[in-house]
């Protein structure tokens, strides 16, 4: 137990170093929201349609990214570029972007703010809460899964359950060429849980009040 606690402490310490690589360096041009608004047409083809589902590599709704943390959006696109994340559609999209494009697009999507939505229904679920406690999920993602100080870590509250489940599964198999994800912190967490437990956690977090949203693609076409 002592060794496991020390390993978890090391993991969370290393997780704290992630923002160093995802934030702007002194002297670099910051992300431009206006410029970003002119670069997201491709993104909106999926992320601008409420409940839009992708059927490859499996069927799930694409994530809500309006209002997502800027550092996380930047880091995610960089991971698709480098191959740390392996979704073929996102890899192709990310590789077409420059560093400045990524900053601008992330600045644009993160600029949307809304009041937290109410929880969809009663979300008391002792089993899910026990799994979350065992995985120390709230250390990084915050007590409410919506607000944290580290902008390279995603908001999760209110995110689509099927997307979160697919994401959690992907950390179990980084070698899969279609949906693997390379992240030592998350891989270390999910390995202790089976798929049913991961599905339960994803559903639980999806019911929590959050500030993520999807704005309809049609709202942008007339601009």
Protein backbone atom coordinates (compact mmCIF):
# COMPACT_ATOMS: atom_id res chain seq x y z
CA UNK A 1 0.00 0.00 0.00
CA UNK A 2 2.87 2.39 0.82
CA UNK A 3 4.51 1.73 -2.55
CA UNK A 4 1.20 2.29 -4.38
CA UNK A 5 0.67 5.58 -2.55
CA UNK A 6 4.16 6.72 -3.48
CA UNK A 7 3.56 5.80 -7.12
CA UNK A 8 0.27 7.72 -7.18
CA UNK A 9 1.99 10.75 -5.65
CA UNK A 10 4.65 10.59 -8.37
CA UNK A 11 1.99 10.32 -11.08
CA UNK A 12 0.12 13.38 -9.83
CA UNK A 13 3.38 15.32 -9.49
CA UNK A 14 4.24 14.53 -13.11
CA UNK A 15 0.70 15.47 -14.15
CA UNK A 16 1.35 18.88 -12.68
CA UNK A 17 4.16 19.37 -15.18
CA UNK A 18 1.85 18.99 -18.21
CA UNK A 19 0.89 22.72 -18.44
CA UNK A 20 4.53 23.59 -19.08
CA UNK A 21 4.23 21.99 -22.50
CA UNK A 22 0.73 23.17 -23.37
CA UNK A 23 0.89 26.87 -22.49
CA UNK A 24 2.42 29.70 -24.46
CA UNK A 25 6.07 30.53 -23.91
CA UNK A 26 7.29 34.09 -23.23
CA UNK A 27 7.41 36.09 -26.45
CA UNK A 28 5.11 33.78 -28.40
CA UNK A 29 2.03 35.15 -30.09
CA UNK A 30 -1.07 34.19 -28.08
CA UNK A 31 -4.18 32.59 -29.53
CA UNK A 32 -6.52 34.98 -31.33
CA UNK A 33 -10.25 34.37 -30.87
CA UNK A 34 -11.27 36.31 -33.97
CA UNK A 35 -8.68 34.55 -36.12
CA UNK A 36 -9.78 31.24 -34.62
CA UNK A 37 -13.40 31.87 -35.59
CA UNK A 38 -12.28 31.85 -39.23
CA UNK A 39 -10.43 28.55 -38.93
CA UNK A 40 -13.05 26.27 -37.39
CA UNK A 41 -15.32 25.47 -40.33
CA UNK A 42 -13.97 21.92 -40.55
CA UNK A 43 -14.31 21.48 -36.78
CA UNK A 44 -17.93 22.62 -36.83
CA UNK A 45 -18.82 19.92 -39.35
CA UNK A 46 -18.85 17.51 -36.37
CA UNK A 47 -18.47 19.54 -33.17
CA UNK A 48 -21.06 22.11 -34.25
CA UNK A 49 -23.89 19.57 -34.46
CA UNK A 50 -25.63 18.61 -31.23
CA UNK A 51 -25.48 14.87 -30.52
CA UNK A 52 -23.52 14.22 -33.72
CA UNK A 53 -22.19 10.66 -33.78
CA UNK A 54 -19.09 9.29 -35.40
CA UNK A 55 -19.22 5.65 -36.45
CA UNK A 56 -15.47 5.13 -36.77
CA UNK A 57 -13.60 3.65 -35.05
CA UNK A 58 -16.80 3.02 -33.04
CA UNK A 59 -20.17 4.69 -32.56
CA UNK A 60 -20.22 7.53 -30.05
CA UNK A 61 -21.06 11.21 -29.94
CA UNK A 62 -18.20 13.59 -30.66
CA UNK A 63 -17.32 15.64 -27.58
CA UNK A 64 -18.70 19.01 -26.60
CA UNK A 65 -15.78 21.45 -26.95
CA UNK A 66 -17.37 24.90 -26.69
CA UNK A 67 -16.21 26.19 -23.29
CA UNK A 68 -13.50 23.55 -22.89
CA UNK A 69 -10.20 24.55 -21.26
CA UNK A 70 -7.81 26.23 -23.69
CA UNK A 71 -4.71 24.30 -22.62
CA UNK A 72 -6.48 20.98 -22.98
CA UNK A 73 -7.69 21.82 -26.49
CA UNK A 74 -4.16 22.80 -27.50
CA UNK A 75 -2.60 19.71 -25.93
CA UNK A 76 -5.16 17.42 -27.55
CA UNK A 77 -4.49 18.75 -31.04
CA UNK A 78 -0.75 18.48 -30.44
CA UNK A 79 -1.23 14.87 -29.31
CA UNK A 80 -3.09 14.06 -32.54
CA UNK A 81 -0.25 15.64 -34.50
CA UNK A 82 2.40 13.61 -32.69
CA UNK A 83 0.48 10.34 -32.73
CA UNK A 84 -0.10 10.20 -28.99
CA UNK A 85 -3.79 10.09 -29.91
CA UNK A 86 -4.67 7.93 -32.88
CA UNK A 87 -8.14 8.77 -34.22
CA UNK A 88 -7.53 8.89 -38.01
CA UNK A 89 -9.93 11.78 -38.67
CA UNK A 90 -8.50 13.94 -35.92
CA UNK A 91 -4.91 13.04 -36.81
CA UNK A 92 -5.46 14.20 -40.40
CA UNK A 93 -7.16 17.39 -39.24
CA UNK A 94 -4.52 18.24 -36.64
CA UNK A 95 -1.63 17.63 -39.02
CA UNK A 96 -3.06 20.26 -41.36
CA UNK A 97 -2.77 22.93 -38.63
CA UNK A 98 0.13 25.20 -37.76
CA UNK A 99 1.08 25.97 -34.16
CA UNK A 100 -0.65 29.33 -34.49
CA UNK A 101 -3.77 27.69 -35.93
CA UNK A 102 -3.95 25.45 -32.87
CA UNK A 103 -3.63 28.42 -30.51
CA UNK A 104 -6.30 30.38 -32.39
CA UNK A 105 -8.76 27.49 -32.58
CA UNK A 106 -8.28 26.64 -28.90
CA UNK A 107 -8.75 30.28 -27.93
CA UNK A 108 -11.97 30.43 -29.94
CA UNK A 109 -13.65 27.34 -28.52
CA UNK A 110 -12.55 28.08 -24.95
CA UNK A 111 -13.97 31.62 -25.13
CA UNK A 112 -17.57 30.42 -24.83
CA UNK A 113 -18.88 30.59 -21.27
CA UNK A 114 -22.27 29.64 -19.87
CA UNK A 115 -23.73 29.19 -16.42
CA UNK A 116 -23.40 25.60 -15.23
CA UNK A 117 -26.35 23.52 -16.36
CA UNK A 118 -28.37 21.75 -13.72
CA UNK A 119 -27.63 18.10 -13.13
CA UNK A 120 -29.85 16.05 -15.41
CA UNK A 121 -31.21 13.95 -12.56
CA UNK A 122 -30.29 12.56 -9.21
CA UNK A 123 -26.74 11.34 -9.56
CA UNK A 124 -26.23 9.64 -6.25
CA UNK A 125 -24.40 6.49 -7.21
CA UNK A 126 -22.30 4.99 -4.47
CA UNK A 127 -20.52 2.53 -6.75
CA UNK A 128 -19.44 5.24 -9.20
CA UNK A 129 -18.33 7.46 -6.34
CA UNK A 130 -16.27 4.63 -4.87
CA UNK A 131 -14.53 4.02 -8.21
CA UNK A 132 -13.79 7.74 -8.59
CA UNK A 133 -12.38 7.86 -5.07
CA UNK A 134 -10.21 4.79 -5.70
CA UNK A 135 -8.88 6.32 -8.91
CA UNK A 136 -8.19 9.68 -7.21
CA UNK A 137 -9.92 11.31 -10.19
CA UNK A 138 -10.80 14.50 -8.33
CA UNK A 139 -7.14 15.27 -7.58
CA UNK A 140 -6.75 16.45 -11.17
CA UNK A 141 -10.31 16.96 -12.41
CA UNK A 142 -11.68 18.80 -9.36
CA UNK A 143 -14.50 17.99 -6.97
CA UNK A 144 -17.19 18.99 -9.47
CA UNK A 145 -15.36 17.79 -12.63
CA UNK A 146 -15.93 21.25 -14.12
CA UNK A 147 -13.46 23.68 -12.59
CA UNK A 148 -9.78 23.25 -11.89
CA UNK A 149 -6.69 25.43 -11.85
CA UNK A 150 -4.84 23.46 -14.51
CA UNK A 151 -6.17 24.48 -17.92
CA UNK A 152 -4.45 21.53 -19.61
CA UNK A 153 -6.87 19.17 -17.85
CA UNK A 154 -10.34 18.87 -19.42
CA UNK A 155 -13.66 19.81 -17.96
CA UNK A 156 -15.72 16.64 -17.83
CA UNK A 157 -19.02 17.47 -16.10
CA UNK A 158 -21.90 17.20 -18.55
CA UNK A 159 -19.76 15.70 -21.30
CA UNK A 160 -21.34 12.93 -23.38
CA UNK A 161 -21.14 9.60 -21.53
CA UNK A 162 -20.46 7.52 -24.64
CA UNK A 163 -17.55 9.76 -25.63
CA UNK A 164 -16.02 9.61 -22.15
CA UNK A 165 -16.36 5.84 -22.08
CA UNK A 166 -14.64 5.54 -25.47
CA UNK A 167 -11.88 7.86 -24.22
CA UNK A 168 -11.33 5.90 -21.02
CA UNK A 169 -11.10 2.66 -23.01
CA UNK A 170 -8.54 4.19 -25.35
CA UNK A 171 -6.08 4.67 -22.48
CA UNK A 172 -6.12 0.90 -21.94
CA UNK A 173 -4.62 0.23 -25.35
CA UNK A 174 -2.25 2.88 -26.64
CA UNK A 175 -1.09 0.54 -29.41
CA UNK A 176 -4.42 0.48 -31.23
CA UNK A 177 -3.88 2.40 -34.48
CA UNK A 178 -7.46 3.68 -34.61
CA UNK A 179 -8.25 4.85 -31.09
CA UNK A 180 -5.26 4.40 -28.76
CA UNK A 181 -4.13 7.22 -26.49
CA UNK A 182 -0.73 7.57 -24.89
CA UNK A 183 -0.99 9.18 -21.45
CA UNK A 184 0.90 7.59 -18.56
CA UNK A 185 -1.26 9.21 -15.90
CA UNK A 186 -4.57 8.07 -17.35
CA UNK A 187 -3.23 4.66 -18.31
CA UNK A 188 -2.14 4.15 -14.72
CA UNK A 189 -5.62 4.98 -13.48
CA UNK A 190 -7.82 3.01 -15.90
CA UNK A 191 -5.81 -0.21 -15.70
CA UNK A 192 -7.33 -0.90 -12.29
CA UNK A 193 -10.91 -0.88 -13.60
CA UNK A 194 -12.91 -3.07 -15.96
CA UNK A 195 -15.04 -1.74 -18.83
CA UNK A 196 -18.29 -1.91 -16.86
CA UNK A 197 -16.75 0.23 -14.14
CA UNK A 198 -15.45 2.76 -16.67
CA UNK A 199 -18.89 2.92 -18.30
CA UNK A 200 -20.49 3.55 -14.90
CA UNK A 201 -18.09 6.40 -14.14
CA UNK A 202 -18.63 7.99 -17.56
CA UNK A 203 -22.40 7.93 -17.10
CA UNK A 204 -22.12 9.36 -13.59
CA UNK A 205 -19.93 12.31 -14.63
CA UNK A 206 -22.10 13.01 -17.68
CA UNK A 207 -25.05 13.69 -15.37
CA UNK A 208 -23.22 16.38 -13.37
CA UNK A 209 -23.80 20.08 -13.94
CA UNK A 210 -21.23 21.49 -16.36
CA UNK A 211 -20.41 24.39 -18.67
CA UNK A 212 -19.53 22.45 -21.82
CA UNK A 213 -21.86 22.90 -24.76
CA UNK A 214 -22.37 22.33 -28.45
CA UNK A 215 -23.42 25.30 -30.55
CA UNK A 216 -25.29 24.39 -33.68
CA UNK A 217 -23.33 24.66 -36.95
CA UNK A 218 -26.24 26.54 -38.56
CA UNK A 219 -25.67 29.44 -36.19
CA UNK A 220 -22.35 30.17 -37.87
CA UNK A 221 -23.25 29.84 -41.55
CA UNK A 222 -24.98 33.22 -41.79
CA UNK A 223 -22.00 35.11 -40.34
